[in-house]
Amino acid sequence: METLGTLLENKAKGNKGKPYFYCEDQIITYESINNCANRMANAFQKMEISKGDHVAVMLQNCPEYLYCWFGLAKIGAVIVAMNTQLKGDTLKDLIEFSDCKLIVSDQDFLPQYQEIAHRIKGVEITVFDTSGEPFDAHSLNKLFNESPASPPPNAKAISDIDPLIITFTSGTTGLPKLVQNSHRAYIESAKDFAAYTEISSEDRIYTALPLYHANPQIMCILLALVSGGSAVVARKFSASRFWDDVRKYQATAFTYVGAILPILLAQPEHPSEKDHPAKKCFGGGAPKDVYDATVRRFGVEVLEFYGMSEAGAWNTINRPGKGKSGTIGQLRQGFEVKIFDGEDNELPIGKIGEIVVRPNKPYIMFDGYYKAPEETCKSSSNLWWHTGDLGKIDEDGYYYFCGRKKESIRRGGEEITPYDIEREINKHPAVAESAAFGISDPIMGEEIGVAVVLKSSQSLSPQELIAWCEPKLPKSMVPRYIEFIEELPKSASAKVQKIALKKRGLTENTWDRKKV
């Protein structure tokens, strides 16, 4: 089986002058991206980077990100994909824990490293300036430009089961865990995704997601590569520019995560919304109302899927022409997915339990958490990977995501998922976002609390919100506590930290329905 380096080499031979990567006004062909990856591989070798070494890369969305990733892959080194929002002690701890030998930073992010440089001894920092400004003589640009475009010499033999990349979990309850994936796991994920989404060499896949995330890495960059298509990467997400970009680059598909579609739907409607070439989009986090509204308003098919970087990136998906709104689709071949109760017994159709996963082919899941075997084992009981997510399956084999297990609220002996509560509250026209969480109670075990962020210039009283909820939610799911706050606490990857809300508990601004 092939590695990322051999895959790129072969695709370059077959496509040569065909555009592979679009970013703003830059168009990079298959042949050029391969040559640049070779230059980068040779530059890294001059910096004494070799097979098995870890290199942290913190760059904005740009061609240089791919030069680094693909160049490291060609010499068997491992990219550590750094979240560009990291700073301070968290950044220092992750650099040290991941055993990085070298840090590649954009000029914009250099201050975040300079702040901690005196505390990370033995790790070299180099700048890969993507601004186009004259670069320092010691920057990576000079070494890159002076390196040959021929394949790197003396590279040790690389296997497809060797590690390719390290990404991070969201870290909502502590320091993020380091997720190791092999060449095979990433490439197989992209190839299967191309087959299930019917992406071909004629497609251009657009993403505005940061390249340190697994979604654009696999569902855009590698998806385009394995299919012989093209990847279109925006520097950052812009709701006002989104459809203009899709039209400009003639993108036929795009990726999303939970916030993208609701933000697009929140924009003023425009007659040109359906005047674009995009036929489909794929990602995670589109509940039924968002799914249906996206299809109706923008005329694109939503291929909602489910997965995580630990479990082969994705395990279920809504296939073209077979989608069911409100679901996370049907099973990806190569994996088994079940719904278990708290004692690892399989639950019947329609019952909510934990989503568990296991592969039936070798090396298509992650290789474990780096330097944390006890954490890997903790989630791998009874030969199943326990995702920590709640879900169910219907009689047609479609799976449903029902929230995080650790975020479920146990009220009066009943397991309540915050997801259902938030979905209804977020439909209120004055609400921007919300988070439901459990608050300890001596009688009920837990009561339901909700933190609510209102849209700009909007007002809403707790009583009005309860009146909104009562006809839409079962009595047991109507919140007791409500607090309006400026913003929800979030991790570096923008996931709401409900554990933080739970620890925060009741405040002087919390409204209690039972005390009215």
Protein backbone atom coordinates (compact mmCIF):
# COMPACT_ATOMS: atom_id res chain seq x y z
CA MET A 1 0.00 0.00 0.00
CA GLU A 2 1.13 3.58 -0.62
CA THR A 3 2.41 6.32 1.63
CA LEU A 4 1.47 9.97 1.28
CA GLY A 5 4.81 10.58 -0.45
CA THR A 6 4.33 7.87 -3.07
CA LEU A 7 0.67 8.86 -3.57
CA LEU A 8 1.72 12.44 -4.31
CA GLU A 9 4.50 11.29 -6.64
CA ASN A 10 2.16 9.07 -8.63
CA LYS A 11 -0.59 11.68 -8.87
CA ALA A 12 1.94 14.27 -10.05
CA LYS A 13 3.09 11.96 -12.85
CA GLY A 14 -0.47 11.40 -14.01
CA ASN A 15 -1.76 14.96 -13.72
CA LYS A 16 1.32 17.22 -14.10
CA GLY A 17 -0.10 20.59 -15.24
CA LYS A 18 -3.56 20.12 -13.75
CA PRO A 19 -4.38 22.56 -10.91
CA TYR A 20 -4.34 20.80 -7.55
CA PHE A 21 -4.41 23.65 -5.02
CA TYR A 22 -6.10 27.05 -5.15
CA CYS A 23 -5.52 29.67 -2.44
CA GLU A 24 -6.54 33.26 -3.13
CA ASP A 25 -4.76 34.09 -6.41
CA GLN A 26 -2.29 31.20 -6.22
CA ILE A 27 -2.85 28.17 -8.44
CA ILE A 28 -0.49 25.25 -7.86
CA THR A 29 -0.37 22.25 -10.15
CA TYR A 30 0.10 18.62 -9.21
CA GLU A 31 3.63 18.69 -10.61
CA SER A 32 4.46 21.88 -8.73
CA ILE A 33 3.11 20.70 -5.37
CA ASN A 34 5.21 17.55 -5.68
CA ASN A 35 8.33 19.55 -6.57
CA CYS A 36 7.73 21.90 -3.63
CA ALA A 37 7.25 18.94 -1.30
CA ASN A 38 10.60 17.58 -2.51
CA ARG A 39 12.25 20.95 -1.89
CA MET A 40 10.79 21.03 1.58
CA ALA A 41 11.88 17.45 2.30
CA ASN A 42 15.44 18.32 1.25
CA ALA A 43 15.35 21.48 3.36
CA PHE A 44 14.24 19.50 6.41
CA GLN A 45 17.02 16.98 5.85
CA LYS A 46 19.52 19.86 5.86
CA MET A 47 18.07 20.77 9.25
CA GLU A 48 18.79 17.19 10.39
CA ILE A 49 15.15 16.11 10.41
CA SER A 50 14.74 12.44 9.55
CA LYS A 51 12.35 9.53 9.81
CA GLY A 52 10.38 9.44 13.05
CA ASP A 53 11.18 13.03 14.09
CA HIS A 54 8.31 15.25 15.19
CA VAL A 55 7.97 18.73 13.69
CA ALA A 56 5.38 21.22 14.95
CA VAL A 57 3.80 23.28 12.17
CA MET A 58 1.83 26.41 13.02
CA LEU A 59 0.95 28.14 9.77
CA GLN A 60 -2.14 29.84 8.44
CA ASN A 61 -4.01 28.27 5.54
CA CYS A 62 -1.48 28.57 2.72
CA PRO A 63 0.46 26.45 0.19
CA GLU A 64 3.45 26.37 2.55
CA TYR A 65 1.40 24.28 4.98
CA LEU A 66 1.20 21.53 2.36
CA TYR A 67 4.87 21.90 1.45
CA CYS A 68 5.72 21.18 5.09
CA TRP A 69 3.23 18.34 5.58
CA PHE A 70 4.01 16.57 2.31
CA GLY A 71 7.74 17.24 2.63
CA LEU A 72 7.85 15.69 6.10
CA ALA A 73 5.87 12.71 4.81
CA LYS A 74 8.46 12.11 2.10
CA ILE A 75 11.23 11.60 4.68
CA GLY A 76 9.07 9.71 7.18
CA ALA A 77 8.91 12.54 9.70
CA VAL A 78 5.69 13.35 11.56
CA ILE A 79 3.84 16.66 11.36
CA VAL A 80 2.41 17.88 14.66
CA ALA A 81 -0.51 20.01 13.48
CA MET A 82 -0.61 22.91 15.93
CA ASN A 83 -3.78 24.85 16.60
CA THR A 84 -2.93 28.46 15.74
CA GLN A 85 -4.86 29.74 18.79
CA LEU A 86 -2.59 27.96 21.28
CA LYS A 87 -0.38 30.08 23.49
CA GLY A 88 1.25 30.27 26.91
CA ASP A 89 1.55 27.21 29.15
CA THR A 90 -0.72 25.05 27.00
CA LEU A 91 1.45 25.64 23.93
CA LYS A 92 4.63 25.01 25.93
CA ASP A 93 3.28 21.79 27.47
CA LEU A 94 2.12 20.41 24.11
CA ILE A 95 5.44 21.20 22.40
CA GLU A 96 7.33 19.43 25.18
CA PHE A 97 4.95 16.48 25.49
CA SER A 98 4.92 15.85 21.73
CA ASP A 99 8.74 15.67 21.64
CA CYS A 100 9.06 18.15 18.81
CA LYS A 101 12.55 18.61 17.43
CA LEU A 102 11.65 21.65 15.35
CA ILE A 103 8.89 24.28 15.24
CA VAL A 104 7.83 25.87 11.94
CA SER A 105 5.90 29.07 12.57
CA ASP A 106 4.37 31.76 10.42
CA GLN A 107 5.58 35.29 11.18
CA ASP A 108 2.12 36.08 12.59
CA PHE A 109 2.37 33.36 15.25
CA LEU A 110 6.02 33.85 16.16
CA PRO A 111 5.18 36.02 19.23
CA GLN A 112 3.28 33.06 20.72
CA TYR A 113 6.50 31.03 20.61
CA GLN A 114 8.82 33.87 21.60
CA GLU A 115 6.79 34.20 24.79
CA ILE A 116 7.71 30.63 25.81
CA ALA A 117 11.02 30.14 23.96
CA HIS A 118 13.13 30.42 27.13
CA ARG A 119 11.10 27.55 28.63
CA ILE A 120 11.37 25.06 25.76
CA LYS A 121 15.08 24.32 25.67
CA GLY A 122 16.49 22.22 22.87
CA VAL A 123 13.69 22.94 20.38
CA GLU A 124 14.66 25.01 17.36
CA ILE A 125 12.17 27.55 16.00
CA THR A 126 12.22 28.57 12.34
CA VAL A 127 10.00 30.99 10.44
CA PHE A 128 8.36 30.09 7.14
CA ASP A 129 7.19 33.53 6.06
CA THR A 130 4.05 33.31 3.91
CA SER A 131 3.49 37.07 3.63
CA GLY A 132 5.60 37.57 0.52
CA GLU A 133 7.80 40.12 2.34
CA PRO A 134 11.62 39.88 2.10
CA PHE A 135 12.65 37.11 4.44
CA ASP A 136 15.39 36.84 7.00
CA ALA A 137 18.52 34.94 5.98
CA HIS A 138 17.85 32.39 8.71
CA SER A 139 14.25 31.74 7.75
CA LEU A 140 13.04 28.49 6.25
CA ASN A 141 12.24 30.31 3.00
CA LYS A 142 15.93 30.63 2.11
CA LEU A 143 16.64 26.97 2.76
CA PHE A 144 13.51 25.97 0.82
CA ASN A 145 14.43 28.10 -2.20
CA GLU A 146 18.00 26.74 -2.26
CA SER A 147 16.93 23.07 -2.06
CA PRO A 148 16.53 20.89 -5.18
CA ALA A 149 13.14 19.72 -6.44
CA SER A 150 14.38 16.16 -6.82
CA PRO A 151 13.27 13.42 -4.40
CA PRO A 152 15.14 13.57 -1.08
CA PRO A 153 18.22 11.36 -1.04
CA ASN A 154 19.03 8.92 1.76
CA ALA A 155 15.44 8.87 3.04
CA LYS A 156 14.89 5.73 5.07
CA ALA A 157 12.32 3.24 3.86
CA ILE A 158 8.82 4.38 4.83
CA SER A 159 5.91 2.00 5.45
CA ASP A 160 2.27 2.94 5.06
CA ILE A 161 1.74 2.00 8.71
CA ASP A 162 4.40 4.44 9.90
CA PRO A 163 3.04 7.52 11.70
CA LEU A 164 2.10 10.43 9.43
CA ILE A 165 0.48 13.04 11.64
CA ILE A 166 -0.34 14.05 15.20
CA THR A 167 -3.47 16.09 15.85
CA PHE A 168 -5.05 17.05 19.15
CA THR A 169 -8.30 16.29 20.93
CA SER A 170 -10.36 19.27 22.01
CA GLY A 171 -9.02 19.17 25.56
CA THR A 172 -12.27 20.22 27.26
CA THR A 173 -11.29 18.57 30.56
CA GLY A 174 -7.54 19.18 30.61
CA LEU A 175 -4.51 19.15 28.32
CA PRO A 176 -5.48 17.87 24.85
CA LYS A 177 -4.47 14.30 24.02
CA LEU A 178 -2.19 13.65 21.04
CA VAL A 179 -3.82 11.52 18.35
CA GLN A 180 -1.38 9.58 16.14
CA ASN A 181 -2.48 8.44 12.68
CA SER A 182 -0.57 6.48 10.07
CA HIS A 183 -0.25 7.06 6.33
CA ARG A 184 -2.64 4.18 5.72
CA ALA A 185 -5.33 5.42 8.10
CA TYR A 186 -5.46 8.86 6.46
CA ILE A 187 -5.23 7.66 2.86
CA GLU A 188 -7.82 4.90 3.31
CA SER A 189 -10.15 7.39 4.97
CA ALA A 190 -9.83 9.77 2.01
CA LYS A 191 -10.25 7.01 -0.60
CA ASP A 192 -13.36 5.63 1.07
CA PHE A 193 -14.73 9.15 1.45
CA ALA A 194 -14.26 9.81 -2.26
CA ALA A 195 -16.20 6.63 -3.08
CA TYR A 196 -19.06 7.30 -0.66
CA THR A 197 -19.48 10.98 -1.61
CA GLU A 198 -19.00 10.30 -5.35
CA ILE A 199 -16.16 12.81 -5.68
CA SER A 200 -14.20 12.52 -8.94
CA SER A 201 -11.34 14.17 -10.81
CA GLU A 202 -13.81 16.77 -12.08
CA ASP A 203 -14.55 18.11 -8.60
CA ARG A 204 -13.14 21.09 -6.77
CA ILE A 205 -13.55 20.90 -2.98
CA TYR A 206 -13.69 24.18 -1.07
CA THR A 207 -12.83 24.58 2.60
CA ALA A 208 -12.55 27.60 4.89
CA LEU A 209 -11.59 25.47 7.90
CA PRO A 210 -8.09 25.72 9.43
CA LEU A 211 -5.70 23.11 8.06
CA TYR A 212 -4.69 21.89 11.50
CA HIS A 213 -8.10 20.15 11.72
CA ALA A 214 -8.63 16.59 10.48
CA ASN A 215 -11.76 17.61 8.52
CA PRO A 216 -9.99 19.76 5.88
CA GLN A 217 -6.88 17.55 6.00
CA ILE A 218 -8.84 14.48 4.90
CA MET A 219 -12.10 15.79 3.43
CA CYS A 220 -10.44 18.43 1.26
CA ILE A 221 -6.65 18.14 0.86
CA LEU A 222 -6.36 14.34 0.67
CA LEU A 223 -9.81 13.88 -0.87
CA ALA A 224 -8.76 16.04 -3.82
CA LEU A 225 -5.45 14.20 -4.06
CA VAL A 226 -6.81 10.64 -4.10
CA SER A 227 -9.57 11.55 -6.58
CA GLY A 228 -7.35 13.60 -8.89
CA GLY A 229 -9.52 16.66 -8.25
CA SER A 230 -8.64 20.08 -6.84
CA ALA A 231 -8.58 21.59 -3.36
CA VAL A 232 -9.66 25.19 -2.83
CA VAL A 233 -8.58 26.65 0.52
CA ALA A 234 -9.64 30.02 1.93
CA ARG A 235 -7.34 31.79 4.36
CA LYS A 236 -10.21 31.88 6.85
CA PHE A 237 -13.97 31.59 6.97
CA SER A 238 -16.05 34.57 5.90
CA ALA A 239 -19.83 34.27 5.75
CA SER A 240 -20.17 37.31 3.48
CA ARG A 241 -17.53 36.03 1.06
CA PHE A 242 -18.40 32.33 1.17
CA TRP A 243 -20.69 32.00 -1.87
CA ASP A 244 -18.59 34.46 -3.88
CA ASP A 245 -15.59 32.18 -3.28
CA VAL A 246 -17.57 29.11 -4.32
CA ARG A 247 -18.52 30.85 -7.56
CA LYS A 248 -15.05 32.33 -8.16
CA TYR A 249 -13.30 28.97 -7.91
CA GLN A 250 -16.18 26.97 -9.40
CA ALA A 251 -16.20 24.69 -6.36
CA THR A 252 -18.51 21.72 -6.71
CA ALA A 253 -18.43 20.71 -3.03
CA PHE A 254 -17.45 22.17 0.34
CA THR A 255 -16.72 21.04 3.87
CA TYR A 256 -18.31 22.29 7.08
CA VAL A 257 -18.30 21.86 10.84
CA GLY A 258 -21.14 22.60 13.25
CA ALA A 259 -21.06 26.41 13.19
CA ILE A 260 -20.60 26.94 9.43
CA LEU A 261 -24.08 26.13 8.12
CA PRO A 262 -26.01 28.00 10.85
CA ILE A 263 -23.82 31.08 10.25
CA LEU A 264 -24.53 30.93 6.51
CA LEU A 265 -28.24 30.50 7.21
CA ALA A 266 -28.18 33.53 9.52
CA GLN A 267 -27.07 35.81 6.66
CA PRO A 268 -29.72 37.89 4.86
CA GLU A 269 -31.33 35.94 2.03
CA HIS A 270 -30.23 36.86 -1.47
CA PRO A 271 -31.57 35.87 -4.92
CA SER A 272 -28.11 34.60 -5.97
CA GLU A 273 -27.89 32.05 -3.12
CA LYS A 274 -28.59 29.14 -5.44
CA ASP A 275 -26.57 30.55 -8.30
CA HIS A 276 -23.40 28.56 -7.65
CA PRO A 277 -21.77 25.31 -8.85
CA ALA A 278 -21.73 23.51 -5.46
CA LYS A 279 -23.78 20.32 -5.53
CA LYS A 280 -22.95 18.87 -2.12
CA CYS A 281 -21.35 19.61 1.22
CA PHE A 282 -20.01 17.27 3.90
CA GLY A 283 -19.20 17.61 7.57
CA GLY A 284 -20.54 17.10 11.06
CA GLY A 285 -22.99 19.10 13.15
CA ALA A 286 -26.08 19.63 10.99
CA PRO A 287 -29.22 18.81 13.02
CA LYS A 288 -32.47 18.26 11.13
CA ASP A 289 -33.57 21.90 10.96
CA VAL A 290 -30.15 23.07 9.73
CA TYR A 291 -29.90 20.15 7.29
CA ASP A 292 -33.35 20.86 5.80
CA ALA A 293 -32.85 24.63 5.65
CA THR A 294 -29.48 24.23 3.89
CA VAL A 295 -30.95 21.97 1.22
CA ARG A 296 -33.98 24.21 0.71
CA ARG A 297 -32.25 27.59 0.74
CA PHE A 298 -28.91 26.88 -0.95
CA GLY A 299 -29.80 23.93 -3.16
CA VAL A 300 -26.92 21.73 -1.97
CA GLU A 301 -27.12 18.15 -0.76
CA VAL A 302 -25.95 17.75 2.83
CA LEU A 303 -23.84 14.63 3.39
CA GLU A 304 -23.75 14.66 7.19
CA PHE A 305 -21.26 12.17 8.61
CA TYR A 306 -19.99 11.04 12.00
CA GLY A 307 -16.49 10.26 13.17
CA MET A 308 -13.44 11.31 15.13
CA SER A 309 -9.72 11.40 14.45
CA GLU A 310 -9.22 8.38 16.71
CA ALA A 311 -11.66 6.17 14.80
CA GLY A 312 -10.60 6.40 11.18
CA ALA A 313 -11.89 9.99 10.85
CA TRP A 314 -15.43 8.91 9.89
CA ASN A 315 -17.65 5.88 10.43
CA THR A 316 -21.13 6.73 9.13
CA ILE A 317 -22.35 9.04 6.35
CA ASN A 318 -25.40 10.13 4.39
CA ARG A 319 -24.67 9.11 0.82
CA PRO A 320 -25.75 11.11 -2.27
CA GLY A 321 -29.41 10.48 -3.04
CA LYS A 322 -29.86 8.48 0.16
CA GLY A 323 -29.69 11.14 2.85
CA LYS A 324 -32.04 11.29 5.82
CA SER A 325 -32.11 14.64 7.61
CA GLY A 326 -31.45 14.56 11.32
CA THR A 327 -29.20 11.51 11.01
CA ILE A 328 -25.46 10.93 10.71
CA GLY A 329 -26.03 8.41 7.94
CA GLN A 330 -25.29 4.76 7.41
CA LEU A 331 -22.29 2.57 8.09
CA ARG A 332 -18.91 2.87 6.36
CA GLN A 333 -17.68 -0.55 5.29
CA GLY A 334 -14.54 -1.60 7.10
CA PHE A 335 -16.00 -0.67 10.47
CA GLU A 336 -18.52 -2.02 12.91
CA VAL A 337 -20.59 0.54 14.81
CA LYS A 338 -22.89 -0.46 17.69
CA ILE A 339 -24.95 1.23 20.40
CA PHE A 340 -24.07 -0.04 23.90
CA ASP A 341 -25.48 0.45 27.37
CA GLY A 342 -23.30 1.17 30.41
CA GLU A 343 -22.29 -2.48 30.69
CA ASP A 344 -21.36 -2.93 27.01
CA ASN A 345 -24.57 -4.73 26.06
CA GLU A 346 -25.89 -3.91 22.61
CA LEU A 347 -29.10 -1.91 22.73
CA PRO A 348 -32.11 -2.49 20.45
CA ILE A 349 -33.22 -0.19 17.64
CA GLY A 350 -34.33 3.24 18.86
CA LYS A 351 -32.63 3.08 22.27
CA ILE A 352 -30.02 5.72 23.13
CA GLY A 353 -26.63 4.49 24.30
CA GLU A 354 -22.92 4.98 23.70
CA ILE A 355 -21.58 4.79 20.14
CA VAL A 356 -18.78 2.20 19.98
CA VAL A 357 -16.58 1.45 16.98
CA ARG A 358 -14.07 -1.12 15.81
CA PRO A 359 -12.37 -1.81 12.47
CA ASN A 360 -12.38 -5.07 10.58
CA LYS A 361 -9.32 -4.10 8.52
CA PRO A 362 -5.85 -3.42 9.97
CA TYR A 363 -4.40 0.03 10.61
CA ILE A 364 -7.39 2.11 9.51
CA MET A 365 -7.85 3.58 13.00
CA PHE A 366 -5.42 5.67 14.97
CA ASP A 367 -2.28 4.26 16.58
CA GLY A 368 -3.19 5.37 20.10
CA TYR A 369 -2.66 8.51 22.11
CA TYR A 370 1.01 9.50 22.02
CA LYS A 371 2.73 8.70 25.34
CA ALA A 372 -0.64 8.00 26.98
CA PRO A 373 -1.27 4.22 26.72
CA GLU A 374 -3.49 4.28 29.80
CA GLU A 375 -5.80 6.81 28.10
CA THR A 376 -5.89 4.66 24.97
CA CYS A 377 -6.75 1.55 26.98
CA LYS A 378 -9.40 3.39 28.98
CA SER A 379 -11.46 3.96 25.82
CA SER A 380 -10.74 0.54 24.29
CA SER A 381 -12.54 -1.83 26.65
CA ASN A 382 -13.96 -5.16 25.44
CA LEU A 383 -12.28 -4.78 22.03
CA TRP A 384 -14.42 -1.74 21.14
CA TRP A 385 -13.44 1.90 20.88
CA HIS A 386 -15.78 3.78 23.21
CA THR A 387 -16.38 7.18 21.64
CA GLY A 388 -17.99 8.87 24.63
CA ASP A 389 -20.82 9.95 22.29
CA LEU A 390 -24.47 9.01 22.64
CA GLY A 391 -26.49 7.78 19.69
CA LYS A 392 -29.14 5.45 18.40
CA ILE A 393 -29.98 3.56 15.22
CA ASP A 394 -33.29 3.24 13.37
CA GLU A 395 -34.86 0.34 11.51
CA ASP A 396 -33.32 1.50 8.19
CA GLY A 397 -29.77 1.43 9.51
CA TYR A 398 -29.41 5.20 9.92
CA TYR A 399 -27.52 6.41 12.98
CA TYR A 400 -28.37 9.44 15.12
CA PHE A 401 -26.01 11.56 17.22
CA CYS A 402 -27.54 12.34 20.63
CA GLY A 403 -24.79 14.29 22.41
CA ARG A 404 -21.76 13.57 24.58
CA LYS A 405 -22.07 10.87 27.24
CA LYS A 406 -20.11 12.83 29.83
CA GLU A 407 -22.33 15.85 29.17
CA SER A 408 -25.60 14.00 29.69
CA ILE A 409 -27.75 15.17 32.59
CA ARG A 410 -29.08 12.57 35.03
CA ARG A 411 -32.28 14.03 36.42
CA GLY A 412 -34.47 11.88 38.64
CA GLY A 413 -32.81 8.72 37.31
CA GLU A 414 -33.42 9.72 33.66
CA GLU A 415 -30.55 10.33 31.24
CA ILE A 416 -31.18 13.59 29.39
CA THR A 417 -29.02 14.72 26.48
CA PRO A 418 -28.26 18.48 26.33
CA TYR A 419 -28.38 18.28 22.55
CA ASP A 420 -32.20 18.10 22.40
CA ILE A 421 -32.63 21.01 24.80
CA GLU A 422 -30.11 23.21 22.99
CA ARG A 423 -31.64 22.45 19.62
CA GLU A 424 -35.01 23.87 20.65
CA ILE A 425 -33.60 26.87 22.53
CA ASN A 426 -31.34 27.77 19.60
CA LYS A 427 -34.40 28.01 17.35
CA HIS A 428 -35.58 31.08 19.28
CA PRO A 429 -35.00 34.12 17.05
CA ALA A 430 -33.24 36.04 19.86
CA VAL A 431 -30.78 33.25 20.74
CA ALA A 432 -27.30 33.04 19.20
CA GLU A 433 -26.22 29.86 21.02
CA SER A 434 -26.81 27.96 24.23
CA ALA A 435 -25.39 25.18 26.38
CA ALA A 436 -27.38 22.90 28.68
CA PHE A 437 -25.63 21.20 31.59
CA GLY A 438 -26.34 19.47 34.89
CA ILE A 439 -26.42 21.27 38.22
CA SER A 440 -26.14 19.12 41.33
CA ASP A 441 -29.40 18.74 43.29
CA PRO A 442 -29.94 16.77 46.54
CA ILE A 443 -33.35 15.47 45.46
CA MET A 444 -33.22 15.04 41.67
CA GLY A 445 -29.53 14.20 41.45
CA GLU A 446 -29.13 16.92 38.84
CA GLU A 447 -31.31 19.75 37.60
CA ILE A 448 -31.06 21.30 34.15
CA GLY A 449 -29.22 24.57 33.77
CA VAL A 450 -28.85 26.53 30.53
CA ALA A 451 -26.36 29.26 29.65
CA VAL A 452 -27.70 31.42 26.84
CA VAL A 453 -25.95 33.91 24.54
CA LEU A 454 -28.31 36.35 22.84
CA LYS A 455 -27.89 37.81 19.39
CA SER A 456 -26.69 41.38 19.16
CA SER A 457 -29.39 43.94 20.08
CA GLN A 458 -31.82 41.18 21.12
CA SER A 459 -33.52 40.86 24.50
CA LEU A 460 -35.23 37.92 26.15
CA SER A 461 -36.45 37.18 29.66
CA PRO A 462 -36.14 33.80 31.41
CA GLN A 463 -39.93 33.56 31.55
CA GLU A 464 -40.20 34.11 27.79
CA LEU A 465 -37.60 31.41 27.17
CA ILE A 466 -39.45 28.93 29.41
CA ALA A 467 -42.68 29.73 27.56
CA TRP A 468 -40.83 28.93 24.33
CA CYS A 469 -39.56 25.62 25.68
CA GLU A 470 -42.70 24.23 27.34
CA PRO A 471 -44.66 23.31 24.19
CA LYS A 472 -41.54 21.98 22.46
CA LEU A 473 -39.84 19.86 25.14
CA PRO A 474 -41.00 17.09 27.49
CA LYS A 475 -41.70 18.42 30.97
CA SER A 476 -38.61 16.64 32.34
CA MET A 477 -36.38 18.52 29.86
CA VAL A 478 -37.59 22.07 30.49
CA PRO A 479 -34.70 23.90 32.23
CA ARG A 480 -34.95 24.93 35.85
CA TYR A 481 -32.01 27.35 35.78
CA ILE A 482 -31.28 30.00 33.13
CA GLU A 483 -28.42 32.46 32.91
CA PHE A 484 -27.73 34.92 30.10
CA ILE A 485 -24.00 35.35 29.48
CA GLU A 486 -21.81 37.25 27.01
CA GLU A 487 -20.08 34.17 25.60
CA LEU A 488 -19.80 30.45 26.24
CA PRO A 489 -16.48 29.07 27.48
CA LYS A 490 -14.80 27.26 24.59
CA SER A 491 -11.67 25.24 23.92
CA ALA A 492 -8.97 26.23 21.43
CA SER A 493 -10.88 24.24 18.79
CA ALA A 494 -14.11 26.18 19.54
CA LYS A 495 -15.93 23.38 21.38
CA VAL A 496 -18.13 24.49 24.26
CA GLN A 497 -16.62 23.53 27.61
CA LYS A 498 -19.67 22.31 29.47
CA ILE A 499 -17.51 20.89 32.22
CA ALA A 500 -16.44 24.48 32.97
CA LEU A 501 -20.08 25.58 33.11
CA LYS A 502 -20.89 22.67 35.39
CA LYS A 503 -18.03 23.55 37.75
CA ARG A 504 -19.10 27.20 37.70
CA GLY A 505 -22.57 26.15 38.83
CA LEU A 506 -25.09 28.68 40.12
CA THR A 507 -24.17 32.38 40.23
CA GLU A 508 -25.92 35.49 41.49
CA ASN A 509 -27.22 36.02 37.93
CA THR A 510 -28.81 32.57 37.62
CA TRP A 511 -32.60 32.60 37.39
CA ASP A 512 -34.39 29.74 39.19
CA ARG A 513 -37.79 28.74 37.84
CA LYS A 514 -38.84 27.28 41.20
CA LYS A 515 -38.28 30.56 43.03
CA VAL A 516 -40.51 32.66 40.83
